[in-house]
Protein backbone atom coordinates (compact mmCIF):
# COMPACT_ATOMS: atom_id res chain seq x y z
CA MET A 1 30.53 52.15 21.66
CA MET A 2 33.08 54.66 20.47
CA CYS A 3 33.05 58.15 22.04
CA ILE A 4 33.17 61.21 19.68
CA THR A 5 34.72 64.42 20.94
CA GLN A 6 33.31 67.82 20.17
CA ALA A 7 36.34 68.51 18.01
CA GLU A 8 35.55 65.47 15.85
CA ASP A 9 31.81 66.15 15.81
CA ARG A 10 32.31 69.72 14.50
CA TRP A 11 35.13 68.92 12.13
CA PRO A 12 33.01 68.60 8.95
CA PHE A 13 31.94 72.27 9.26
CA ARG A 14 35.52 73.48 8.88
CA LEU A 15 34.86 76.34 11.25
CA PRO A 16 37.80 78.60 12.25
CA ALA A 17 38.86 77.74 15.71
CA ILE A 18 39.47 80.32 18.49
CA LEU A 19 41.60 78.86 21.23
CA VAL A 20 40.91 80.15 24.77
CA GLY A 21 44.35 79.79 26.31
CA ASP A 22 45.60 79.94 29.91
CA GLY A 23 47.39 83.10 31.04
CA ARG A 24 48.26 81.71 34.49
CA LEU A 25 51.59 80.26 35.70
CA GLY A 26 52.23 77.12 33.72
CA GLY A 27 49.58 77.98 31.17
CA ILE A 28 51.94 78.27 28.25
CA SER A 29 52.48 74.49 27.98
CA GLY A 30 48.75 73.77 28.31
CA THR A 31 47.94 76.37 25.62
CA ILE A 32 50.56 74.91 23.30
CA SER A 33 49.27 71.35 23.89
CA ALA A 34 45.68 72.47 23.10
CA TYR A 35 46.81 74.34 19.97
CA GLU A 36 48.71 71.30 18.61
CA SER A 37 45.81 69.03 19.44
CA LEU A 38 43.52 71.16 17.30
CA ARG A 39 46.05 71.26 14.51
CA LEU A 40 46.44 67.47 14.60
CA ARG A 41 42.63 67.28 14.03
CA GLY A 42 42.96 69.43 10.99
CA TYR A 43 41.58 72.67 12.46
CA ASP A 44 42.80 76.12 11.39
CA VAL A 45 43.28 78.19 14.57
CA ALA A 46 42.44 81.82 13.70
CA ALA A 47 43.55 83.28 17.00
CA ILE A 48 44.47 82.53 20.68
CA ILE A 49 42.98 84.64 23.42
CA PHE A 50 43.43 84.44 27.19
CA GLU A 51 43.07 86.46 30.34
CA ASP A 52 45.98 88.60 31.50
CA HIS A 53 47.59 87.56 34.85
CA ASN A 54 50.52 89.95 34.55
CA LEU A 55 52.88 87.15 33.53
CA GLY A 56 53.48 88.13 29.92
CA ASN A 57 52.58 84.63 28.63
CA GLU A 58 51.88 86.04 25.15
CA VAL A 59 55.58 86.83 24.52
CA PRO A 60 56.98 83.28 24.71
CA LEU A 61 53.75 81.94 23.11
CA LEU A 62 54.19 84.17 20.09
CA SER A 63 57.83 83.21 19.90
CA TYR A 64 57.00 79.50 19.91
CA LEU A 65 54.31 79.96 17.26
CA ARG A 66 56.66 82.17 15.23
CA ASN A 67 53.92 84.82 14.96
CA ARG A 68 51.79 82.59 12.72
CA VAL A 69 48.77 82.90 14.96
CA PRO A 70 47.64 86.14 16.59
CA VAL A 71 47.63 86.11 20.40
CA LEU A 72 45.18 88.47 22.13
CA VAL A 73 45.13 89.30 25.87
CA LEU A 74 42.00 90.28 27.80
CA PRO A 75 42.19 92.41 30.95
CA PRO A 76 41.62 90.45 34.25
CA VAL A 77 38.03 89.38 34.64
CA PRO A 78 36.35 90.70 37.85
CA ARG A 79 35.99 87.98 40.47
CA GLY A 80 33.18 89.34 42.53
CA ILE A 81 29.58 89.00 41.40
CA SER A 82 28.81 92.55 42.65
CA GLU A 83 31.62 94.19 40.69
CA ASN A 84 30.65 96.30 37.72
CA LEU A 85 31.21 94.38 34.53
CA ILE A 86 30.45 97.34 32.30
CA GLU A 87 33.89 98.73 32.91
CA TRP A 88 35.49 95.35 32.00
CA PHE A 89 33.47 95.16 28.81
CA GLU A 90 34.63 98.67 27.86
CA LYS A 91 38.26 97.78 28.46
CA SER A 92 37.82 94.52 26.47
CA SER A 93 35.97 96.03 23.53
CA SER A 94 39.15 96.79 21.52
CA VAL A 95 40.33 93.18 22.01
CA PHE A 96 37.00 91.71 20.89
CA CYS A 97 36.91 94.07 17.88
CA SER A 98 40.39 92.93 16.93
CA LEU A 99 39.28 89.30 17.30
CA LYS A 100 36.31 90.00 15.01
CA GLU A 101 38.52 91.61 12.36
CA ILE A 102 40.92 88.63 12.52
CA MET A 103 38.13 86.20 11.92
CA LEU A 104 36.66 88.11 9.06
CA THR A 105 40.03 88.57 7.47
CA THR A 106 40.92 84.95 7.86
CA PHE A 107 37.59 83.87 6.34
CA LEU A 108 37.80 86.31 3.38
CA GLU A 109 41.42 85.32 2.65
CA ARG A 110 40.43 81.63 2.68
CA ILE A 111 37.49 82.21 0.27
CA GLN A 112 39.70 84.31 -2.07
CA ARG A 113 42.34 81.59 -1.99
CA LEU A 114 39.78 78.96 -2.90
CA HIS A 115 38.62 81.13 -5.83
CA ASP A 116 42.23 81.58 -7.13
CA MET A 117 43.30 77.98 -6.80
CA PRO A 118 42.01 76.61 -10.12
CA LYS A 119 43.78 79.28 -12.15
CA LYS A 120 46.94 79.03 -10.16
CA ALA A 121 46.95 75.23 -10.39
CA ARG A 122 46.73 75.35 -14.19
CA GLU A 123 49.53 77.85 -14.33
CA ILE A 124 52.08 76.00 -12.19
CA PHE A 125 51.02 72.32 -11.88
CA TRP A 126 52.09 69.51 -14.10
CA TRP A 127 49.47 66.76 -13.66
CA PRO A 128 50.25 63.25 -14.77
CA PHE A 129 47.97 61.51 -17.27
CA THR A 130 46.50 64.90 -18.23
CA GLN A 131 46.15 66.91 -21.48
CA HIS A 132 46.46 70.28 -19.83
CA LYS A 133 44.98 72.32 -22.67
CA LEU A 134 41.81 70.30 -22.29
CA VAL A 135 41.34 71.19 -18.59
CA PRO A 136 39.60 74.55 -18.19
CA ASP A 137 39.62 76.30 -14.79
CA GLU A 138 36.02 75.33 -14.03
CA THR A 139 36.78 71.65 -14.25
CA VAL A 140 39.65 71.71 -11.77
CA THR A 141 38.50 70.18 -8.45
CA VAL A 142 39.33 72.42 -5.45
CA ILE A 143 39.55 70.20 -2.38
CA ASP A 144 39.29 72.05 0.96
CA SER A 145 39.35 69.02 3.24
CA ARG A 146 37.95 65.53 3.66
CA PHE A 147 35.81 63.75 6.21
CA GLY A 148 35.66 59.95 5.97
CA GLU A 149 34.92 58.99 2.42
CA ASN A 150 33.94 62.40 1.23
CA PHE A 151 35.86 65.46 0.13
CA ALA A 152 34.72 68.98 0.93
CA VAL A 153 34.92 70.52 -2.54
CA HIS A 154 34.65 74.24 -3.27
CA LYS A 155 32.46 75.05 -6.30
CA VAL A 156 33.42 78.41 -7.71
CA GLN A 157 30.25 78.70 -9.82
CA HIS A 158 28.02 78.55 -6.74
CA ASP A 159 30.54 79.87 -4.24
CA SER A 160 29.79 77.02 -1.89
CA ILE A 161 31.47 73.98 -0.42
CA ILE A 162 29.78 70.65 -0.96
CA GLN A 163 30.53 67.03 -0.10
CA GLN A 164 31.79 64.88 -2.95
CA PHE A 165 32.48 61.13 -2.66
CA ASP A 166 36.13 60.25 -3.02
CA ALA A 167 36.08 57.52 -5.70
CA CYS A 168 39.83 57.36 -6.21
CA ALA A 169 41.84 57.46 -2.99
CA SER A 170 39.54 54.72 -1.55
CA TRP A 171 41.11 52.07 -3.89
CA TRP A 172 44.54 53.68 -4.03
CA THR A 173 45.72 53.79 -0.41
CA GLN A 174 42.97 54.07 2.04
CA GLY A 175 40.78 51.00 1.65
CA PRO A 176 37.21 50.63 0.53
CA ASP A 177 35.55 52.48 3.43
CA ALA A 178 36.06 55.06 6.12
CA THR A 179 36.93 52.56 8.82
CA LEU A 180 40.19 51.75 7.17
CA GLN A 181 41.21 55.44 7.13
CA VAL A 182 41.90 55.58 10.81
CA VAL A 183 44.21 53.72 13.19
CA PHE A 184 42.47 51.73 15.89
CA ARG A 185 44.30 50.97 19.15
CA SER A 186 44.25 47.53 20.69
CA PHE A 187 41.01 46.37 19.12
CA SER A 188 40.24 42.74 18.48
CA SER A 189 37.16 40.95 17.29
CA GLU A 190 37.06 38.98 20.59
CA GLU A 191 37.07 41.99 22.90
CA HIS A 192 34.91 44.35 20.83
CA ASP A 193 32.11 43.54 18.53
CA VAL A 194 33.38 45.74 15.73
CA GLY A 195 32.43 44.47 12.28
CA LEU A 196 33.83 45.61 8.95
CA PRO A 197 32.55 45.12 5.42
CA PHE A 198 33.30 41.88 3.53
CA GLY A 199 33.10 39.84 6.73
CA SER A 200 36.39 41.07 8.15
CA ALA A 201 37.13 42.43 11.63
CA ILE A 202 39.61 44.71 13.31
CA LYS A 203 42.49 42.76 14.80
CA ARG A 204 44.87 43.72 17.55
CA ASP A 205 48.11 45.59 16.53
CA VAL A 206 46.77 46.83 13.23
CA LEU A 207 49.41 47.69 10.64
CA VAL A 208 48.55 50.48 8.24
CA TYR A 209 49.53 50.05 4.60
CA CYS A 210 50.17 53.25 2.77
CA GLY A 211 50.69 51.91 -0.77
CA HIS A 212 53.72 51.13 -2.94
CA ASN A 213 55.37 49.12 -0.13
CA ILE A 214 57.19 52.25 1.14
CA HIS A 215 59.39 51.51 4.22
CA THR A 216 61.15 54.15 6.24
CA ARG A 217 64.30 53.74 8.29
CA PRO A 218 64.53 55.85 11.39
CA ILE A 219 67.57 58.07 11.69
CA GLU A 220 69.19 57.85 15.06
CA TYR A 221 70.23 61.04 16.89
CA HIS A 222 73.94 60.06 16.80
CA GLN A 223 73.80 59.56 13.04
CA LEU A 224 72.81 63.19 12.56
CA CYS A 225 75.61 64.38 14.82
CA GLY A 226 78.36 61.84 14.22
CA ASN A 227 80.14 63.53 11.29
CA VAL A 228 79.65 67.11 12.44
CA VAL A 229 82.92 68.72 13.50
CA LYS A 230 81.79 72.23 14.43
CA PHE A 231 78.83 73.11 16.67
CA PRO A 232 77.40 69.55 16.82
CA SER A 233 74.91 70.28 19.62
CA LEU A 234 73.55 73.33 17.77
CA LEU A 235 73.13 71.46 14.51
CA CYS A 236 71.51 68.48 16.19
CA HIS A 237 69.09 70.83 17.96
CA ILE A 238 68.21 72.40 14.57
CA PHE A 239 67.73 68.98 12.93
CA ARG A 240 65.55 67.89 15.79
CA TRP A 241 63.51 71.08 15.62
CA LEU A 242 62.98 70.69 11.85
CA GLN A 243 61.94 67.02 12.43
CA ILE A 244 59.33 68.16 14.97
CA GLU A 245 58.01 70.91 12.69
CA LEU A 246 57.78 68.48 9.76
CA ALA A 247 55.92 65.93 11.92
CA LYS A 248 53.39 68.57 13.08
CA ASP A 249 52.77 69.83 9.54
CA MET A 250 52.37 66.33 8.21
CA GLY A 251 49.97 65.50 11.01
CA TYR A 252 47.85 68.53 10.23
CA THR A 253 47.85 67.77 6.50
CA ALA A 254 46.93 64.10 7.11
CA ALA A 255 44.09 65.04 9.46
CA ARG A 256 42.66 67.64 7.04
CA PHE A 257 43.06 65.78 3.73
CA GLY A 258 44.03 62.12 4.20
CA HIS A 259 45.12 61.00 0.71
CA VAL A 260 44.26 63.03 -2.39
CA MET A 261 44.81 61.95 -6.00
CA PHE A 262 46.70 64.67 -7.87
CA PRO A 263 45.54 64.80 -11.56
CA GLU A 264 43.14 67.71 -12.16
CA ASN A 265 42.82 68.33 -8.43
CA VAL A 266 44.23 71.15 -6.30
CA TYR A 267 44.51 71.41 -2.59
CA GLU A 268 46.41 73.82 -0.31
CA PRO A 269 49.56 71.82 0.69
CA ALA A 270 50.32 70.85 -2.96
CA LEU A 271 49.77 74.37 -4.27
CA GLU A 272 51.80 76.05 -1.50
CA CYS A 273 54.65 73.55 -1.95
CA ALA A 274 54.71 74.21 -5.72
CA GLU A 275 54.73 77.99 -5.20
CA HIS A 276 57.70 77.79 -2.83
CA LEU A 277 59.53 75.51 -5.17
CA LEU A 278 59.10 77.85 -8.11
CA GLU A 279 60.27 80.78 -6.00
CA GLY A 280 63.55 79.00 -5.36
CA VAL A 281 64.48 77.10 -8.51
CA GLY A 282 62.39 78.82 -11.15
CA LYS A 283 60.29 77.10 -13.77
CA ASP A 284 60.46 75.68 -17.24
CA ASN A 285 58.43 73.46 -19.59
CA GLY A 286 58.04 69.77 -19.28
CA SER A 287 60.27 68.76 -22.18
CA THR A 288 63.23 70.72 -20.75
CA ALA A 289 62.67 69.13 -17.37
CA ILE A 290 62.77 65.66 -18.95
CA GLU A 291 65.93 66.58 -20.84
CA ILE A 292 67.63 67.76 -17.66
CA ALA A 293 66.53 64.60 -15.81
CA LEU A 294 68.04 62.44 -18.53
CA LYS A 295 71.31 64.31 -18.55
CA MET A 296 71.53 63.94 -14.78
CA ALA A 297 70.93 60.19 -15.12
CA PHE A 298 73.57 59.84 -17.88
CA ARG A 299 76.09 61.89 -15.81
CA LYS A 300 75.52 59.73 -12.69
CA PHE A 301 75.84 56.53 -14.74
CA LEU A 302 79.15 57.79 -16.27
CA LEU A 303 80.57 58.64 -12.81
CA ASP A 304 79.41 55.42 -11.26
CA HIS A 305 80.41 52.98 -14.06
CA GLU A 306 82.99 54.91 -16.06
CA THR A 307 80.94 53.99 -19.13
CA ILE A 308 79.32 56.17 -21.71
CA LEU A 309 75.68 55.37 -22.61
CA ASP A 310 74.70 54.86 -26.24
CA LEU A 311 71.31 56.15 -27.38
CA GLN A 312 69.98 53.73 -30.01
CA SER A 313 67.59 55.09 -32.59
CA ALA A 314 67.96 58.62 -31.23
CA GLU A 315 66.28 61.66 -32.72
CA MET A 316 68.11 64.33 -34.67
CA GLY A 317 69.65 67.14 -32.74
CA GLU A 318 70.83 65.16 -29.68
CA ARG A 319 73.94 66.58 -28.06
CA ARG A 320 77.08 64.76 -29.23
CA LEU A 321 79.59 66.19 -26.75
CA GLU A 322 79.25 63.84 -23.81
CA LEU A 323 77.09 61.12 -25.41
CA LYS A 324 77.78 58.68 -28.32
CA VAL A 325 74.56 58.73 -30.27
CA GLY A 326 73.43 55.88 -32.37
CA PRO A 327 71.94 56.19 -35.92
CA CYS A 328 68.69 58.02 -36.11
CA SER A 329 65.67 55.90 -36.79
CA TYR A 330 64.08 58.62 -38.93
CA LEU A 331 66.79 58.59 -41.59
């Protein structure tokens, strides 16, 4: 029998999490560990709150979190049963009011973002296998999260989030059922009576296949620092920090969404990534992007092989400066 934690049991509700941290000596590391555990389960932590022990734990905690999560501090809780709690509640009222405002603001911003996502997606996304002019805003699927085989989909018309069976990712990368979407540790059919569909069973040392035969090669620490002449320790520290940040964000995204097919869908990581890219490099239409990609490929081929490519049956109007163009098939 597999145990289910409260965090996993309440996950489908997608409730905002309030982390009760530890303001005592050594409580910073415990609070950070709890925060990252919630993130790795796909939770959005709206705020962190803990009791003040006159140690100033909120300062390094805010620095570590880079002010992405509000940290609230309550006055010391009276220890004696006979002490008057009314005074403590009065001192704490401003903190609890701030916490209430943070939760409401976070919720309203999330709902507004869900409402805006279809329009934003149509403006900035390029979906493969899609005639974009035939996709109105109301047919764009807004995916808030997933749980097992189902997506949590926001329906703008009814302003509600409903479960929708994922009929695409199941055959693409994640297997035919929810059991293949998680990694089991040290299971075998001999030790545990765990059955899977189609007469299969979970074996020891399960390897997870992510599609397309993608293999990654780990980069050793010395490889990052070997060719650095100035400030090697600082650069290595920065690279390591970026690696950790990337791993945490990938863990959060994987826990919240799993795998999502892209065409005619929109979900937060893809939209946010596209917005950041457009802020940096600008945007253009698809035909221009293809033209630039081809020119980059031709240029690389020329530098690598010292050979000029010849476009056979090219269209009229091709540039003739760097390329030798063959006869046009339309003439």
